[in-house]
Amino acid sequence: MYDNRAGSWEAGVDGARAGIIMWARPQVGAIYYQEYYKGQAEDVDEVLSLNETVTVPYGTFQGCLKIEDTTPQEPGQREHKYYCPGIGQVLEENLAEGFKIELIEVTNN
């Protein structure tokens, strides 16, 4: 059995705090930690827009949330993430490395 916990941390231990993936009522300009363990995990998100139109292989969505993700551990690394109503995350763009992760299919089980 493979059990690699490298890079993991626990909120409340050694100053680490729980993060926020997304606010229930996001506001443009809001900045928050997606994860926080000083010097180890300090992903910072900023809400850039609440009304993006996004097209991915699965379809086109309107009224989407756009977030920029950065971290002091990797200066210059920036990602834009798009979350759309009724679907969730549909697109992630790595701006520094120039690649995308796009929603291509949704299946119901």
PDB file of N, CA and C in Angstrom:
ATOM      1  N   MET A   1       0.849  -1.189   0.000  1.00  0.00           N
ATOM      2  CA  MET A   1       0.000   0.000   0.000  1.00  0.00           C
ATOM      3  C   MET A   1       0.890   1.246   0.000  1.00  0.00           C
ATOM      4  N   TYR A   2       0.568   2.168  -0.852  1.00  0.00           N
ATOM      5  CA  TYR A   2       1.318   3.412  -0.970  1.00  0.00           C
ATOM      6  C   TYR A   2       0.674   4.480  -0.099  1.00  0.00           C
ATOM      7  N   ASP A   3       1.445   5.089   0.785  1.00  0.00           N
ATOM      8  CA  ASP A   3       0.918   6.122   1.682  1.00  0.00           C
ATOM      9  C   ASP A   3       1.923   7.263   1.743  1.00  0.00           C
ATOM     10  N   ASN A   4       1.798   8.218   0.859  1.00  0.00           N
ATOM     11  CA  ASN A   4       2.706   9.361   0.832  1.00  0.00           C
ATOM     12  C   ASN A   4       1.955  10.589   1.302  1.00  0.00           C
ATOM     13  N   ARG A   5       2.332  11.111   2.431  1.00  0.00           N
ATOM     14  CA  ARG A   5       1.677  12.298   2.974  1.00  0.00           C
ATOM     15  C   ARG A   5       2.575  13.527   2.876  1.00  0.00           C
ATOM     16  N   ALA A   6       3.591  13.451   2.038  1.00  0.00           N
ATOM     17  CA  ALA A   6       4.513  14.576   1.856  1.00  0.00           C
ATOM     18  C   ALA A   6       3.735  15.796   1.404  1.00  0.00           C
ATOM     19  N   GLY A   7       4.003  16.910   2.041  1.00  0.00           N
ATOM     20  CA  GLY A   7       3.333  18.154   1.683  1.00  0.00           C
ATOM     21  C   GLY A   7       1.983  18.353   2.357  1.00  0.00           C
ATOM     22  N   SER A   8       1.525  17.378   3.118  1.00  0.00           N
ATOM     23  CA  SER A   8       0.236  17.538   3.793  1.00  0.00           C
ATOM     24  C   SER A   8       0.434  18.214   5.146  1.00  0.00           C
ATOM     25  N   TRP A   9      -0.634  18.786   5.669  1.00  0.00           N
ATOM     26  CA  TRP A   9      -0.597  19.452   6.955  1.00  0.00           C
ATOM     27  C   TRP A   9      -1.991  19.394   7.558  1.00  0.00           C
ATOM     28  N   GLU A  10      -2.079  19.703   8.841  1.00  0.00           N
ATOM     29  CA  GLU A  10      -3.359  19.645   9.538  1.00  0.00           C
ATOM     30  C   GLU A  10      -3.656  20.989  10.188  1.00  0.00           C
ATOM     31  N   ALA A  11      -4.828  21.531   9.899  1.00  0.00           N
ATOM     32  CA  ALA A  11      -5.238  22.806  10.491  1.00  0.00           C
ATOM     33  C   ALA A  11      -5.200  22.697  12.012  1.00  0.00           C
ATOM     34  N   GLY A  12      -4.650  23.745  12.642  1.00  0.00           N
ATOM     35  CA  GLY A  12      -4.562  23.776  14.095  1.00  0.00           C
ATOM     36  C   GLY A  12      -3.256  23.213  14.638  1.00  0.00           C
ATOM     37  N   VAL A  13      -2.438  22.605  13.793  1.00  0.00           N
ATOM     38  CA  VAL A  13      -1.170  22.035  14.218  1.00  0.00           C
ATOM     39  C   VAL A  13      -0.033  22.908  13.692  1.00  0.00           C
ATOM     40  N   ASP A  14       0.853  23.344  14.579  1.00  0.00           N
ATOM     41  CA  ASP A  14       2.035  24.116  14.200  1.00  0.00           C
ATOM     42  C   ASP A  14       1.686  25.418  13.463  1.00  0.00           C
ATOM     43  N   GLY A  15       0.576  26.038  13.831  1.00  0.00           N
ATOM     44  CA  GLY A  15       0.181  27.321  13.240  1.00  0.00           C
ATOM     45  C   GLY A  15      -0.567  27.226  11.924  1.00  0.00           C
ATOM     46  N   ALA A  16      -0.781  26.020  11.413  1.00  0.00           N
ATOM     47  CA  ALA A  16      -1.516  25.850  10.152  1.00  0.00           C
ATOM     48  C   ALA A  16      -2.996  26.182  10.358  1.00  0.00           C
ATOM     49  N   ARG A  17      -3.600  26.778   9.328  1.00  0.00           N
ATOM     50  CA  ARG A  17      -5.017  27.141   9.399  1.00  0.00           C
ATOM     51  C   ARG A  17      -5.787  26.514   8.252  1.00  0.00           C
ATOM     52  N   ALA A  18      -7.059  26.255   8.483  1.00  0.00           N
ATOM     53  CA  ALA A  18      -7.927  25.754   7.416  1.00  0.00           C
ATOM     54  C   ALA A  18      -8.091  26.833   6.354  1.00  0.00           C
ATOM     55  N   GLY A  19      -8.224  26.421   5.127  1.00  0.00           N
ATOM     56  CA  GLY A  19      -8.391  27.366   4.034  1.00  0.00           C
ATOM     57  C   GLY A  19      -9.827  27.448   3.564  1.00  0.00           C
ATOM     58  N   ILE A  20     -10.032  28.277   2.555  1.00  0.00           N
ATOM     59  CA  ILE A  20     -11.349  28.483   1.956  1.00  0.00           C
ATOM     60  C   ILE A  20     -11.220  28.188   0.468  1.00  0.00           C
ATOM     61  N   ILE A  21     -12.030  27.318  -0.049  1.00  0.00           N
ATOM     62  CA  ILE A  21     -12.021  27.048  -1.488  1.00  0.00           C
ATOM     63  C   ILE A  21     -12.759  28.168  -2.209  1.00  0.00           C
ATOM     64  N   MET A  22     -13.913  28.561  -1.666  1.00  0.00           N
ATOM     65  CA  MET A  22     -14.699  29.616  -2.288  1.00  0.00           C
ATOM     66  C   MET A  22     -15.698  30.163  -1.261  1.00  0.00           C
ATOM     67  N   TRP A  23     -15.856  31.480  -1.255  1.00  0.00           N
ATOM     68  CA  TRP A  23     -16.859  32.109  -0.383  1.00  0.00           C
ATOM     69  C   TRP A  23     -18.264  31.796  -0.886  1.00  0.00           C
ATOM     70  N   ALA A  24     -19.216  31.722   0.029  1.00  0.00           N
ATOM     71  CA  ALA A  24     -20.611  31.508  -0.347  1.00  0.00           C
ATOM     72  C   ALA A  24     -21.147  32.698  -1.142  1.00  0.00           C
ATOM     73  N   ARG A  25     -20.696  33.899  -0.791  1.00  0.00           N
ATOM     74  CA  ARG A  25     -21.118  35.125  -1.490  1.00  0.00           C
ATOM     75  C   ARG A  25     -19.870  35.918  -1.881  1.00  0.00           C
ATOM     76  N   PRO A  26     -19.168  35.472  -2.915  1.00  0.00           N
ATOM     77  CA  PRO A  26     -17.913  36.144  -3.283  1.00  0.00           C
ATOM     78  C   PRO A  26     -18.138  37.570  -3.768  1.00  0.00           C
ATOM     79  N   GLN A  27     -17.147  38.406  -3.533  1.00  0.00           N
ATOM     80  CA  GLN A  27     -17.171  39.792  -3.988  1.00  0.00           C
ATOM     81  C   GLN A  27     -15.890  40.066  -4.760  1.00  0.00           C
ATOM     82  N   VAL A  28     -15.983  40.801  -5.857  1.00  0.00           N
ATOM     83  CA  VAL A  28     -14.802  41.153  -6.638  1.00  0.00           C
ATOM     84  C   VAL A  28     -13.808  41.879  -5.738  1.00  0.00           C
ATOM     85  N   GLY A  29     -12.556  41.475  -5.819  1.00  0.00           N
ATOM     86  CA  GLY A  29     -11.498  42.076  -5.017  1.00  0.00           C
ATOM     87  C   GLY A  29     -11.221  41.345  -3.716  1.00  0.00           C
ATOM     88  N   ALA A  30     -12.100  40.427  -3.321  1.00  0.00           N
ATOM     89  CA  ALA A  30     -11.871  39.669  -2.084  1.00  0.00           C
ATOM     90  C   ALA A  30     -10.625  38.806  -2.244  1.00  0.00           C
ATOM     91  N   ILE A  31      -9.785  38.793  -1.200  1.00  0.00           N
ATOM     92  CA  ILE A  31      -8.557  38.005  -1.185  1.00  0.00           C
ATOM     93  C   ILE A  31      -8.600  37.100   0.039  1.00  0.00           C
ATOM     94  N   TYR A  32      -8.243  35.834  -0.154  1.00  0.00           N
ATOM     95  CA  TYR A  32      -8.296  34.879   0.948  1.00  0.00           C
ATOM     96  C   TYR A  32      -7.315  33.735   0.699  1.00  0.00           C
ATOM     97  N   TYR A  33      -6.982  33.000   1.767  1.00  0.00           N
ATOM     98  CA  TYR A  33      -6.108  31.838   1.666  1.00  0.00           C
ATOM     99  C   TYR A  33      -6.922  30.602   1.328  1.00  0.00           C
ATOM    100  N   GLN A  34      -6.501  29.913   0.271  1.00  0.00           N
ATOM    101  CA  GLN A  34      -7.109  28.623  -0.049  1.00  0.00           C
ATOM    102  C   GLN A  34      -6.526  27.543   0.875  1.00  0.00           C
ATOM    103  N   GLU A  35      -5.298  27.762   1.283  1.00  0.00           N
ATOM    104  CA  GLU A  35      -4.646  26.914   2.276  1.00  0.00           C
ATOM    105  C   GLU A  35      -3.575  27.753   2.955  1.00  0.00           C
ATOM    106  N   TYR A  36      -3.272  27.421   4.228  1.00  0.00           N
ATOM    107  CA  TYR A  36      -2.256  28.214   4.912  1.00  0.00           C
ATOM    108  C   TYR A  36      -1.486  27.392   5.931  1.00  0.00           C
ATOM    109  N   TYR A  37      -0.219  27.197   5.638  1.00  0.00           N
ATOM    110  CA  TYR A  37       0.763  26.637   6.563  1.00  0.00           C
ATOM    111  C   TYR A  37       2.049  27.365   6.242  1.00  0.00           C
ATOM    112  N   LYS A  38       2.400  28.346   7.063  1.00  0.00           N
ATOM    113  CA  LYS A  38       3.476  29.298   6.774  1.00  0.00           C
ATOM    114  C   LYS A  38       4.731  28.622   6.228  1.00  0.00           C
ATOM    115  N   GLY A  39       5.151  29.119   5.069  1.00  0.00           N
ATOM    116  CA  GLY A  39       6.345  28.616   4.425  1.00  0.00           C
ATOM    117  C   GLY A  39       6.171  27.313   3.670  1.00  0.00           C
ATOM    118  N   GLN A  40       5.006  26.689   3.804  1.00  0.00           N
ATOM    119  CA  GLN A  40       4.763  25.385   3.175  1.00  0.00           C
ATOM    120  C   GLN A  40       3.613  25.425   2.171  1.00  0.00           C
ATOM    121  N   ALA A  41       2.500  26.005   2.577  1.00  0.00           N
ATOM    122  CA  ALA A  41       1.290  26.027   1.754  1.00  0.00           C
ATOM    123  C   ALA A  41       0.591  27.362   1.993  1.00  0.00           C
ATOM    124  N   GLU A  42       0.722  28.277   1.053  1.00  0.00           N
ATOM    125  CA  GLU A  42       0.160  29.617   1.229  1.00  0.00           C
ATOM    126  C   GLU A  42      -0.564  30.080  -0.038  1.00  0.00           C
ATOM    127  N   ASP A  43      -1.407  29.233  -0.606  1.00  0.00           N
ATOM    128  CA  ASP A  43      -2.139  29.605  -1.811  1.00  0.00           C
ATOM    129  C   ASP A  43      -3.122  30.736  -1.511  1.00  0.00           C
ATOM    130  N   VAL A  44      -2.998  31.807  -2.267  1.00  0.00           N
ATOM    131  CA  VAL A  44      -3.837  32.989  -2.094  1.00  0.00           C
ATOM    132  C   VAL A  44      -4.732  33.132  -3.318  1.00  0.00           C
ATOM    133  N   ASP A  45      -6.015  33.323  -3.092  1.00  0.00           N
ATOM    134  CA  ASP A  45      -6.978  33.528  -4.174  1.00  0.00           C
ATOM    135  C   ASP A  45      -7.526  34.935  -4.120  1.00  0.00           C
ATOM    136  N   GLU A  46      -7.775  35.484  -5.299  1.00  0.00           N
ATOM    137  CA  GLU A  46      -8.440  36.783  -5.423  1.00  0.00           C
ATOM    138  C   GLU A  46      -9.586  36.639  -6.407  1.00  0.00           C
ATOM    139  N   VAL A  47     -10.759  37.117  -6.023  1.00  0.00           N
ATOM    140  CA  VAL A  47     -11.917  37.098  -6.911  1.00  0.00           C
ATOM    141  C   VAL A  47     -11.755  38.230  -7.927  1.00  0.00           C
ATOM    142  N   LEU A  48     -11.670  37.855  -9.204  1.00  0.00           N
ATOM    143  CA  LEU A  48     -11.487  38.840 -10.273  1.00  0.00           C
ATOM    144  C   LEU A  48     -12.783  39.258 -10.936  1.00  0.00           C
ATOM    145  N   SER A  49     -13.741  38.329 -11.033  1.00  0.00           N
ATOM    146  CA  SER A  49     -14.993  38.628 -11.731  1.00  0.00           C
ATOM    147  C   SER A  49     -16.088  37.680 -11.270  1.00  0.00           C
ATOM    148  N   LEU A  50     -17.321  38.159 -11.347  1.00  0.00           N
ATOM    149  CA  LEU A  50     -18.488  37.340 -10.994  1.00  0.00           C
ATOM    150  C   LEU A  50     -19.364  37.050 -12.206  1.00  0.00           C
ATOM    151  N   ASN A  51     -18.976  37.533 -13.382  1.00  0.00           N
ATOM    152  CA  ASN A  51     -19.865  37.430 -14.536  1.00  0.00           C
ATOM    153  C   ASN A  51     -19.114  37.100 -15.823  1.00  0.00           C
ATOM    154  N   GLU A  52     -18.304  36.061 -15.785  1.00  0.00           N
ATOM    155  CA  GLU A  52     -17.552  35.642 -16.967  1.00  0.00           C
ATOM    156  C   GLU A  52     -18.378  34.688 -17.831  1.00  0.00           C
ATOM    157  N   THR A  53     -18.152  34.740 -19.120  1.00  0.00           N
ATOM    158  CA  THR A  53     -18.668  33.732 -20.043  1.00  0.00           C
ATOM    159  C   THR A  53     -17.493  32.846 -20.413  1.00  0.00           C
ATOM    160  N   VAL A  54     -17.676  31.531 -20.242  1.00  0.00           N
ATOM    161  CA  VAL A  54     -16.595  30.577 -20.456  1.00  0.00           C
ATOM    162  C   VAL A  54     -17.053  29.505 -21.436  1.00  0.00           C
ATOM    163  N   THR A  55     -16.207  29.221 -22.420  1.00  0.00           N
ATOM    164  CA  THR A  55     -16.478  28.153 -23.377  1.00  0.00           C
ATOM    165  C   THR A  55     -15.399  27.090 -23.246  1.00  0.00           C
ATOM    166  N   VAL A  56     -15.839  25.861 -23.005  1.00  0.00           N
ATOM    167  CA  VAL A  56     -14.976  24.685 -22.910  1.00  0.00           C
ATOM    168  C   VAL A  56     -15.593  23.603 -23.799  1.00  0.00           C
ATOM    169  N   PRO A  57     -14.911  22.480 -24.034  1.00  0.00           N
ATOM    170  CA  PRO A  57     -15.491  21.442 -24.886  1.00  0.00           C
ATOM    171  C   PRO A  57     -16.898  20.995 -24.469  1.00  0.00           C
ATOM    172  N   TYR A  58     -17.203  21.044 -23.175  1.00  0.00           N
ATOM    173  CA  TYR A  58     -18.527  20.608 -22.704  1.00  0.00           C
ATOM    174  C   TYR A  58     -19.636  21.603 -23.032  1.00  0.00           C
ATOM    175  N   GLY A  59     -19.297  22.886 -23.194  1.00  0.00           N
ATOM    176  CA  GLY A  59     -20.320  23.881 -23.507  1.00  0.00           C
ATOM    177  C   GLY A  59     -19.892  25.288 -23.132  1.00  0.00           C
ATOM    178  N   THR A  60     -20.849  26.209 -23.267  1.00  0.00           N
ATOM    179  CA  THR A  60     -20.632  27.613 -22.928  1.00  0.00           C
ATOM    180  C   THR A  60     -21.473  27.950 -21.706  1.00  0.00           C
ATOM    181  N   PHE A  61     -20.860  28.654 -20.767  1.00  0.00           N
ATOM    182  CA  PHE A  61     -21.514  28.986 -19.509  1.00  0.00           C
ATOM    183  C   PHE A  61     -21.403  30.480 -19.246  1.00  0.00           C
ATOM    184  N   GLN A  62     -22.448  31.033 -18.655  1.00  0.00           N
ATOM    185  CA  GLN A  62     -22.472  32.464 -18.333  1.00  0.00           C
ATOM    186  C   GLN A  62     -22.599  32.657 -16.828  1.00  0.00           C
ATOM    187  N   GLY A  63     -22.229  33.859 -16.375  1.00  0.00           N
ATOM    188  CA  GLY A  63     -22.339  34.185 -14.953  1.00  0.00           C
ATOM    189  C   GLY A  63     -21.333  33.444 -14.101  1.00  0.00           C
ATOM    190  N   CYS A  64     -20.162  33.164 -14.659  1.00  0.00           N
ATOM    191  CA  CYS A  64     -19.148  32.371 -13.960  1.00  0.00           C
ATOM    192  C   CYS A  64     -18.231  33.242 -13.103  1.00  0.00           C
ATOM    193  N   LEU A  65     -17.739  32.631 -12.047  1.00  0.00           N
ATOM    194  CA  LEU A  65     -16.798  33.248 -11.119  1.00  0.00           C
ATOM    195  C   LEU A  65     -15.385  33.011 -11.631  1.00  0.00           C
ATOM    196  N   LYS A  66     -14.556  34.062 -11.651  1.00  0.00           N
ATOM    197  CA  LYS A  66     -13.158  33.946 -12.067  1.00  0.00           C
ATOM    198  C   LYS A  66     -12.267  34.290 -10.881  1.00  0.00           C
ATOM    199  N   ILE A  67     -11.362  33.376 -10.555  1.00  0.00           N
ATOM    200  CA  ILE A  67     -10.454  33.532  -9.427  1.00  0.00           C
ATOM    201  C   ILE A  67      -9.016  33.430  -9.923  1.00  0.00           C
ATOM    202  N   GLU A  68      -8.138  34.262  -9.345  1.00  0.00           N
ATOM    203  CA  GLU A  68      -6.708  34.123  -9.616  1.00  0.00           C
ATOM    204  C   GLU A  68      -6.047  33.485  -8.404  1.00  0.00           C
ATOM    205  N   ASP A  69      -5.265  32.438  -8.652  1.00  0.00           N
ATOM    206  CA  ASP A  69      -4.587  31.689  -7.602  1.00  0.00           C
ATOM    207  C   ASP A  69      -3.082  31.921  -7.724  1.00  0.00           C
ATOM    208  N   THR A  70      -2.443  32.353  -6.618  1.00  0.00           N
ATOM    209  CA  THR A  70      -0.991  32.552  -6.579  1.00  0.00           C
ATOM    210  C   THR A  70      -0.460  31.984  -5.268  1.00  0.00           C
ATOM    211  N   THR A  71       0.865  31.867  -5.184  1.00  0.00           N
ATOM    212  CA  THR A  71       1.495  31.426  -3.944  1.00  0.00           C
ATOM    213  C   THR A  71       2.891  32.012  -3.845  1.00  0.00           C
ATOM    214  N   PRO A  72       3.292  32.489  -2.660  1.00  0.00           N
ATOM    215  CA  PRO A  72       4.641  33.018  -2.493  1.00  0.00           C
ATOM    216  C   PRO A  72       5.719  31.947  -2.669  1.00  0.00           C
ATOM    217  N   GLN A  73       5.360  30.674  -2.537  1.00  0.00           N
ATOM    218  CA  GLN A  73       6.333  29.596  -2.720  1.00  0.00           C
ATOM    219  C   GLN A  73       6.758  29.454  -4.177  1.00  0.00           C
ATOM    220  N   GLU A  74       5.954  29.958  -5.104  1.00  0.00           N
ATOM    221  CA  GLU A  74       6.271  29.868  -6.530  1.00  0.00           C
ATOM    222  C   GLU A  74       6.024  31.230  -7.180  1.00  0.00           C
ATOM    223  N   PRO A  75       6.926  32.199  -6.951  1.00  0.00           N
ATOM    224  CA  PRO A  75       6.737  33.528  -7.534  1.00  0.00           C
ATOM    225  C   PRO A  75       6.594  33.442  -9.060  1.00  0.00           C
ATOM    226  N   GLY A  76       5.669  34.216  -9.582  1.00  0.00           N
ATOM    227  CA  GLY A  76       5.436  34.217 -11.020  1.00  0.00           C
ATOM    228  C   GLY A  76       4.427  33.181 -11.472  1.00  0.00           C
ATOM    229  N   GLN A  77       4.104  32.227 -10.628  1.00  0.00           N
ATOM    230  CA  GLN A  77       3.107  31.215 -10.973  1.00  0.00           C
ATOM    231  C   GLN A  77       1.718  31.790 -10.739  1.00  0.00           C
ATOM    232  N   ARG A  78       0.876  31.782 -11.763  1.00  0.00           N
ATOM    233  CA  ARG A  78      -0.491  32.304 -11.657  1.00  0.00           C
ATOM    234  C   ARG A  78      -1.441  31.371 -12.374  1.00  0.00           C
ATOM    235  N   GLU A  79      -2.590  31.140 -11.748  1.00  0.00           N
ATOM    236  CA  GLU A  79      -3.645  30.346 -12.374  1.00  0.00           C
ATOM    237  C   GLU A  79      -4.955  31.116 -12.307  1.00  0.00           C
ATOM    238  N   HIS A  80      -5.735  30.998 -13.358  1.00  0.00           N
ATOM    239  CA  HIS A  80      -7.106  31.491 -13.344  1.00  0.00           C
ATOM    240  C   HIS A  80      -8.017  30.275 -13.306  1.00  0.00           C
ATOM    241  N   LYS A  81      -8.978  30.301 -12.395  1.00  0.00           N
ATOM    242  CA  LYS A  81      -9.942  29.208 -12.244  1.00  0.00           C
ATOM    243  C   LYS A  81     -11.332  29.782 -12.430  1.00  0.00           C
ATOM    244  N   TYR A  82     -12.173  29.045 -13.142  1.00  0.00           N
ATOM    245  CA  TYR A  82     -13.530  29.489 -13.464  1.00  0.00           C
ATOM    246  C   TYR A  82     -14.534  28.488 -12.903  1.00  0.00           C
ATOM    247  N   TYR A  83     -15.476  28.998 -12.102  1.00  0.00           N
ATOM    248  CA  TYR A  83     -16.529  28.194 -11.494  1.00  0.00           C
ATOM    249  C   TYR A  83     -17.866  28.698 -12.018  1.00  0.00           C
ATOM    250  N   CYS A  84     -18.690  27.790 -12.562  1.00  0.00           N
ATOM    251  CA  CYS A  84     -19.936  28.195 -13.206  1.00  0.00           C
ATOM    252  C   CYS A  84     -21.143  27.622 -12.478  1.00  0.00           C
ATOM    253  N   PRO A  85     -22.246  28.409 -12.426  1.00  0.00           N
ATOM    254  CA  PRO A  85     -23.450  27.986 -11.711  1.00  0.00           C
ATOM    255  C   PRO A  85     -23.967  26.635 -12.202  1.00  0.00           C
ATOM    256  N   GLY A  86     -24.291  25.767 -11.258  1.00  0.00           N
ATOM    257  CA  GLY A  86     -24.881  24.476 -11.581  1.00  0.00           C
ATOM    258  C   GLY A  86     -23.892  23.429 -12.056  1.00  0.00           C
ATOM    259  N   ILE A  87     -22.628  23.816 -12.232  1.00  0.00           N
ATOM    260  CA  ILE A  87     -21.621  22.886 -12.733  1.00  0.00           C
ATOM    261  C   ILE A  87     -20.440  22.783 -11.776  1.00  0.00           C
ATOM    262  N   GLY A  88     -19.860  23.918 -11.395  1.00  0.00           N
ATOM    263  CA  GLY A  88     -18.635  23.948 -10.596  1.00  0.00           C
ATOM    264  C   GLY A  88     -17.477  24.403 -11.452  1.00  0.00           C
ATOM    265  N   GLN A  89     -16.278  23.918 -11.160  1.00  0.00           N
ATOM    266  CA  GLN A  89     -15.106  24.351 -11.917  1.00  0.00           C
ATOM    267  C   GLN A  89     -15.141  23.742 -13.311  1.00  0.00           C
ATOM    268  N   VAL A  90     -15.023  24.615 -14.329  1.00  0.00           N
ATOM    269  CA  VAL A  90     -15.043  24.155 -15.716  1.00  0.00           C
ATOM    270  C   VAL A  90     -13.725  24.406 -16.438  1.00  0.00           C
ATOM    271  N   LEU A  91     -12.913  25.325 -15.902  1.00  0.00           N
ATOM    272  CA  LEU A  91     -11.676  25.685 -16.584  1.00  0.00           C
ATOM    273  C   LEU A  91     -10.625  26.128 -15.574  1.00  0.00           C
ATOM    274  N   GLU A  92      -9.390  25.702 -15.824  1.00  0.00           N
ATOM    275  CA  GLU A  92      -8.234  26.168 -15.059  1.00  0.00           C
ATOM    276  C   GLU A  92      -7.138  26.497 -16.069  1.00  0.00           C
ATOM    277  N   GLU A  93      -6.622  27.721 -15.996  1.00  0.00           N
ATOM    278  CA  GLU A  93      -5.573  28.155 -16.907  1.00  0.00           C
ATOM    279  C   GLU A  93      -4.293  28.423 -16.119  1.00  0.00           C
ATOM    280  N   ASN A  94      -3.214  27.728 -16.462  1.00  0.00           N
ATOM    281  CA  ASN A  94      -1.922  27.993 -15.861  1.00  0.00           C
ATOM    282  C   ASN A  94      -1.248  29.032 -16.744  1.00  0.00           C
ATOM    283  N   LEU A  95      -1.215  30.273 -16.294  1.00  0.00           N
ATOM    284  CA  LEU A  95      -0.731  31.382 -17.110  1.00  0.00           C
ATOM    285  C   LEU A  95       0.778  31.346 -17.287  1.00  0.00           C
ATOM    286  N   ALA A  96       1.512  30.871 -16.280  1.00  0.00           N
ATOM    287  CA  ALA A  96       2.977  30.838 -16.355  1.00  0.00           C
ATOM    288  C   ALA A  96       3.463  29.762 -17.320  1.00  0.00           C
ATOM    289  N   GLU A  97       2.794  28.611 -17.315  1.00  0.00           N
ATOM    290  CA  GLU A  97       3.242  27.488 -18.135  1.00  0.00           C
ATOM    291  C   GLU A  97       2.439  27.331 -19.423  1.00  0.00           C
ATOM    292  N   GLY A  98       1.320  28.076 -19.538  1.00  0.00           N
ATOM    293  CA  GLY A  98       0.551  28.096 -20.768  1.00  0.00           C
ATOM    294  C   GLY A  98      -0.265  26.853 -21.072  1.00  0.00           C
ATOM    295  N   PHE A  99      -0.804  26.193 -20.041  1.00  0.00           N
ATOM    296  CA  PHE A  99      -1.688  25.063 -20.333  1.00  0.00           C
ATOM    297  C   PHE A  99      -3.032  25.252 -19.651  1.00  0.00           C
ATOM    298  N   LYS A 100      -4.033  24.473 -20.125  1.00  0.00           N
ATOM    299  CA  LYS A 100      -5.394  24.550 -19.600  1.00  0.00           C
ATOM    300  C   LYS A 100      -5.881  23.172 -19.189  1.00  0.00           C
ATOM    301  N   ILE A 101      -6.790  23.176 -18.216  1.00  0.00           N
ATOM    302  CA  ILE A 101      -7.560  21.989 -17.862  1.00  0.00           C
ATOM    303  C   ILE A 101      -9.013  22.384 -18.079  1.00  0.00           C
ATOM    304  N   GLU A 102      -9.702  21.665 -18.977  1.00  0.00           N
ATOM    305  CA  GLU A 102     -11.061  22.035 -19.362  1.00  0.00           C
ATOM    306  C   GLU A 102     -12.040  20.892 -19.107  1.00  0.00           C
ATOM    307  N   LEU A 103     -13.263  21.254 -18.752  1.00  0.00           N
ATOM    308  CA  LEU A 103     -14.326  20.263 -18.603  1.00  0.00           C
ATOM    309  C   LEU A 103     -14.731  19.773 -19.985  1.00  0.00           C
ATOM    310  N   ILE A 104     -14.709  18.445 -20.160  1.00  0.00           N
ATOM    311  CA  ILE A 104     -15.093  17.884 -21.455  1.00  0.00           C
ATOM    312  C   ILE A 104     -16.354  17.040 -21.383  1.00  0.00           C
ATOM    313  N   GLU A 105     -16.707  16.579 -20.165  1.00  0.00           N
ATOM    314  CA  GLU A 105     -17.840  15.680 -20.056  1.00  0.00           C
ATOM    315  C   GLU A 105     -18.375  15.673 -18.626  1.00  0.00           C
ATOM    316  N   VAL A 106     -19.684  15.478 -18.492  1.00  0.00           N
ATOM    317  CA  VAL A 106     -20.317  15.280 -17.198  1.00  0.00           C
ATOM    318  C   VAL A 106     -21.154  14.017 -17.313  1.00  0.00           C
ATOM    319  N   THR A 107     -20.976  13.111 -16.385  1.00  0.00           N
ATOM    320  CA  THR A 107     -21.783  11.883 -16.386  1.00  0.00           C
ATOM    321  C   THR A 107     -22.551  11.796 -15.077  1.00  0.00           C
ATOM    322  N   ASN A 108     -23.723  11.248 -15.151  1.00  0.00           N
ATOM    323  CA  ASN A 108     -24.547  11.034 -13.965  1.00  0.00           C
ATOM    324  C   ASN A 108     -24.574   9.557 -13.662  1.00  0.00           C
ATOM    325  N   ASN A 109     -24.254   9.213 -12.433  1.00  0.00           N
ATOM    326  CA  ASN A 109     -24.263   7.794 -12.033  1.00  0.00           C
ATOM    327  C   ASN A 109     -25.464   7.486 -11.200  1.00  0.00           C
TER     328      ASN A 109
END
